[in-house]
């Protein structure tokens, strides 16, 4: 079983950039495909980005495509999400998630992940 801890959230201005980190422990990080999701108040959790176990494949939601980059460093047991051109609609709690069933697929759905972090708040002011 893997434990996940997100960091890097905070209050930023519209147009700023941000890098979120997700540190894993307790299991072999390279055995999991990983994903980022976000949830705004009153809304369902939505897919942001995903990456396979060795980082060779990535997938992005249309809402962030072209201004987000998901990467991972298996030697550091850490995954990252860099986003630029942030807008108020990016405000949400951002969660990282791990999937062991399909490590070679960048899974886009919430139900595809077995393990979740507790989230980090990102607030973008206009």
Foldseek 3Di string as FASTA:
>chain_A
DKAKAKDWADEEAQQAKTKMKIAIDDDQLLLWKKFKWWDDPPGDIFGAKIAASVRPDMDGDPVQPPFWDWDADSVRRMIMIMGGSDDQVVWTWMKMFIANPCRGDRDGDPVRGDYIYPTDTHGYHD
